[in-house]
């Protein structure tokens, strides 16, 4: 059985994500193998909205909350 998960980012969250991407140190191609860029998203549901945190495994100090709190 194939499972597929999708999520959408608001325009504000997408802008924050792109700014975060630009802050990351550059790495050589293939650093993370066949899986790709090594980015991850963490979703924390609350009673009023969903907190979204993004990170990359090699730079945990750059994990960033990209939540659009204004949309809550």
N, C-alpha and C. Protein backbone atom coordinates (compact mmCIF):
# COMPACT_ATOMS: atom_id res chain seq x y z
N UNK A 1 0.84 -1.18 0.00
CA UNK A 1 0.00 0.00 0.00
C UNK A 1 0.89 1.25 0.00
N UNK A 2 0.66 2.11 -0.95
CA UNK A 2 1.44 3.35 -1.05
C UNK A 2 0.77 4.43 -0.22
N UNK A 3 1.57 5.14 0.57
CA UNK A 3 1.06 6.24 1.36
C UNK A 3 1.70 7.52 0.86
N UNK A 4 0.90 8.57 0.78
CA UNK A 4 1.40 9.85 0.30
C UNK A 4 0.91 10.95 1.23
N UNK A 5 1.83 11.80 1.65
CA UNK A 5 1.49 12.90 2.53
C UNK A 5 1.87 14.21 1.85
N UNK A 6 1.01 15.17 1.94
CA UNK A 6 1.26 16.49 1.35
C UNK A 6 0.94 17.56 2.37
N UNK A 7 1.57 18.69 2.21
CA UNK A 7 1.23 19.83 3.05
C UNK A 7 1.43 21.09 2.25
N UNK A 8 0.74 22.14 2.66
CA UNK A 8 0.84 23.44 2.00
C UNK A 8 1.42 24.45 2.97
N UNK A 9 2.20 25.37 2.43
CA UNK A 9 2.70 26.50 3.22
C UNK A 9 1.97 27.75 2.75
N UNK A 10 1.66 28.63 3.70
CA UNK A 10 1.06 29.90 3.33
C UNK A 10 2.14 30.73 2.62
N UNK A 11 1.75 31.79 1.92
CA UNK A 11 2.78 32.65 1.29
C UNK A 11 3.80 33.17 2.30
N UNK A 12 3.35 33.52 3.50
CA UNK A 12 4.27 34.01 4.53
C UNK A 12 5.24 32.91 4.97
N UNK A 13 4.73 31.69 5.16
CA UNK A 13 5.58 30.57 5.55
C UNK A 13 6.57 30.21 4.45
N UNK A 14 6.11 30.28 3.21
CA UNK A 14 7.00 30.00 2.08
C UNK A 14 8.13 31.03 2.00
N UNK A 15 7.79 32.29 2.25
CA UNK A 15 8.81 33.34 2.25
C UNK A 15 9.84 33.09 3.36
N UNK A 16 9.36 32.74 4.55
CA UNK A 16 10.27 32.44 5.66
C UNK A 16 11.13 31.22 5.35
N UNK A 17 10.54 30.20 4.71
CA UNK A 17 11.29 29.00 4.33
C UNK A 17 12.41 29.35 3.34
N UNK A 18 12.10 30.16 2.34
CA UNK A 18 13.11 30.55 1.35
C UNK A 18 14.24 31.37 1.97
N UNK A 19 13.90 32.26 2.92
CA UNK A 19 14.94 33.00 3.63
C UNK A 19 15.83 32.06 4.44
N UNK A 20 15.20 31.07 5.07
CA UNK A 20 15.95 30.07 5.83
C UNK A 20 16.90 29.29 4.91
N UNK A 21 16.40 28.88 3.74
CA UNK A 21 17.24 28.16 2.78
C UNK A 21 18.49 28.96 2.42
N UNK A 22 18.32 30.26 2.23
CA UNK A 22 19.44 31.11 1.84
C UNK A 22 20.47 31.28 2.95
N UNK A 23 20.08 31.05 4.21
CA UNK A 23 21.01 31.15 5.34
C UNK A 23 21.87 29.90 5.51
N UNK A 24 21.45 28.79 4.90
CA UNK A 24 22.16 27.53 5.10
C UNK A 24 23.53 27.54 4.45
N UNK A 25 24.50 26.89 5.09
CA UNK A 25 25.81 26.76 4.44
C UNK A 25 25.68 25.86 3.21
N UNK A 26 26.42 26.18 2.18
CA UNK A 26 26.42 25.38 0.95
C UNK A 26 27.18 24.08 1.19
N UNK A 27 26.64 22.99 0.63
CA UNK A 27 27.31 21.69 0.74
C UNK A 27 27.45 21.10 -0.65
N UNK A 28 28.35 20.15 -0.78
CA UNK A 28 28.57 19.53 -2.08
C UNK A 28 27.38 18.66 -2.47
N UNK A 29 27.17 18.51 -3.76
CA UNK A 29 26.10 17.66 -4.26
C UNK A 29 26.32 16.23 -3.79
N UNK A 30 25.26 15.55 -3.44
CA UNK A 30 25.36 14.17 -3.00
C UNK A 30 25.68 14.00 -1.53
N UNK A 31 25.80 15.09 -0.80
CA UNK A 31 26.14 15.02 0.63
C UNK A 31 25.14 14.18 1.41
N UNK A 32 23.85 14.25 1.06
CA UNK A 32 22.82 13.51 1.77
C UNK A 32 22.38 12.25 1.03
N UNK A 33 23.07 11.86 0.00
CA UNK A 33 22.77 10.63 -0.71
C UNK A 33 21.52 10.73 -1.57
N UNK A 34 20.89 9.61 -1.80
CA UNK A 34 19.74 9.53 -2.70
C UNK A 34 18.52 10.25 -2.15
N UNK A 35 18.48 10.51 -0.85
CA UNK A 35 17.30 11.15 -0.23
C UNK A 35 17.17 12.61 -0.62
N UNK A 36 18.24 13.24 -1.03
CA UNK A 36 18.13 14.63 -1.46
C UNK A 36 18.76 15.59 -0.48
N UNK A 37 18.07 16.71 -0.22
CA UNK A 37 18.64 17.82 0.51
C UNK A 37 18.76 17.70 2.01
N UNK A 38 18.22 16.66 2.61
CA UNK A 38 18.34 16.49 4.05
C UNK A 38 17.49 17.45 4.87
N UNK A 39 16.54 18.14 4.24
CA UNK A 39 15.65 19.06 4.97
C UNK A 39 14.53 18.26 5.61
N UNK A 40 14.06 18.75 6.72
CA UNK A 40 12.91 18.13 7.37
C UNK A 40 11.95 19.20 7.87
N UNK A 41 10.70 18.83 8.02
CA UNK A 41 9.67 19.69 8.58
C UNK A 41 9.10 19.00 9.80
N UNK A 42 8.84 19.76 10.85
CA UNK A 42 8.18 19.24 12.05
C UNK A 42 6.89 20.02 12.22
N UNK A 43 5.78 19.29 12.33
CA UNK A 43 4.46 19.90 12.50
C UNK A 43 3.97 19.61 13.90
N UNK A 44 3.61 20.67 14.63
CA UNK A 44 3.13 20.53 16.00
C UNK A 44 1.72 21.12 16.05
N UNK A 45 0.69 20.23 16.01
CA UNK A 45 -0.68 20.74 16.05
C UNK A 45 -1.02 21.27 17.44
N UNK A 46 -1.73 22.39 17.47
CA UNK A 46 -2.23 22.95 18.72
C UNK A 46 -3.73 23.17 18.56
N UNK A 47 -4.37 23.66 19.57
CA UNK A 47 -5.80 23.91 19.49
C UNK A 47 -6.16 25.08 18.60
N UNK A 48 -5.20 25.92 18.28
CA UNK A 48 -5.52 27.12 17.47
C UNK A 48 -4.79 27.16 16.13
N UNK A 49 -3.87 26.27 15.87
CA UNK A 49 -3.13 26.26 14.62
C UNK A 49 -2.04 25.21 14.66
N UNK A 50 -1.23 25.18 13.64
CA UNK A 50 -0.14 24.21 13.54
C UNK A 50 1.19 24.94 13.47
N UNK A 51 2.08 24.62 14.40
CA UNK A 51 3.42 25.20 14.40
C UNK A 51 4.26 24.42 13.40
N UNK A 52 5.03 25.12 12.58
CA UNK A 52 5.87 24.48 11.57
C UNK A 52 7.32 24.88 11.82
N UNK A 53 8.16 23.88 12.03
CA UNK A 53 9.59 24.10 12.22
C UNK A 53 10.31 23.35 11.11
N UNK A 54 11.33 23.99 10.54
CA UNK A 54 12.09 23.40 9.45
C UNK A 54 13.55 23.30 9.87
N UNK A 55 14.24 22.29 9.37
CA UNK A 55 15.64 22.14 9.72
C UNK A 55 16.39 21.30 8.69
N UNK A 56 17.68 21.23 8.90
CA UNK A 56 18.54 20.36 8.09
C UNK A 56 19.46 19.64 9.08
N UNK A 57 19.63 18.36 8.91
CA UNK A 57 20.28 17.53 9.91
C UNK A 57 21.71 17.92 10.25
N UNK A 58 22.43 18.55 9.33
CA UNK A 58 23.84 18.87 9.61
C UNK A 58 24.03 20.20 10.32
N UNK A 59 22.99 21.01 10.45
CA UNK A 59 23.09 22.31 11.13
C UNK A 59 21.90 22.52 12.07
N UNK A 60 21.80 21.73 13.15
CA UNK A 60 20.64 21.85 14.03
C UNK A 60 20.49 23.23 14.67
N UNK A 61 21.59 23.98 14.76
CA UNK A 61 21.50 25.31 15.34
C UNK A 61 20.74 26.28 14.45
N UNK A 62 20.48 25.90 13.19
CA UNK A 62 19.75 26.76 12.27
C UNK A 62 18.29 26.34 12.09
N UNK A 63 17.81 25.40 12.93
CA UNK A 63 16.39 25.05 12.87
C UNK A 63 15.58 26.33 13.05
N UNK A 64 14.48 26.45 12.31
CA UNK A 64 13.73 27.70 12.35
C UNK A 64 12.22 27.47 12.36
N UNK A 65 11.55 28.25 13.17
CA UNK A 65 10.09 28.24 13.22
C UNK A 65 9.60 29.15 12.10
N UNK A 66 8.86 28.59 11.13
CA UNK A 66 8.36 29.39 10.00
C UNK A 66 6.86 29.59 10.08
N UNK A 67 6.27 29.35 11.23
CA UNK A 67 4.82 29.45 11.43
C UNK A 67 4.29 30.85 11.11
N UNK A 68 3.18 30.89 10.41
CA UNK A 68 2.49 32.16 10.13
C UNK A 68 1.47 32.39 11.24
N UNK A 69 1.91 32.93 12.36
CA UNK A 69 1.03 33.14 13.52
C UNK A 69 -0.08 34.15 13.22
N UNK A 70 0.15 35.04 12.26
CA UNK A 70 -0.87 36.03 11.92
C UNK A 70 -2.12 35.38 11.32
N UNK A 71 -2.00 34.16 10.81
CA UNK A 71 -3.16 33.49 10.22
C UNK A 71 -3.99 32.76 11.27
N UNK A 72 -3.55 32.76 12.53
CA UNK A 72 -4.32 32.07 13.58
C UNK A 72 -5.44 32.90 14.04
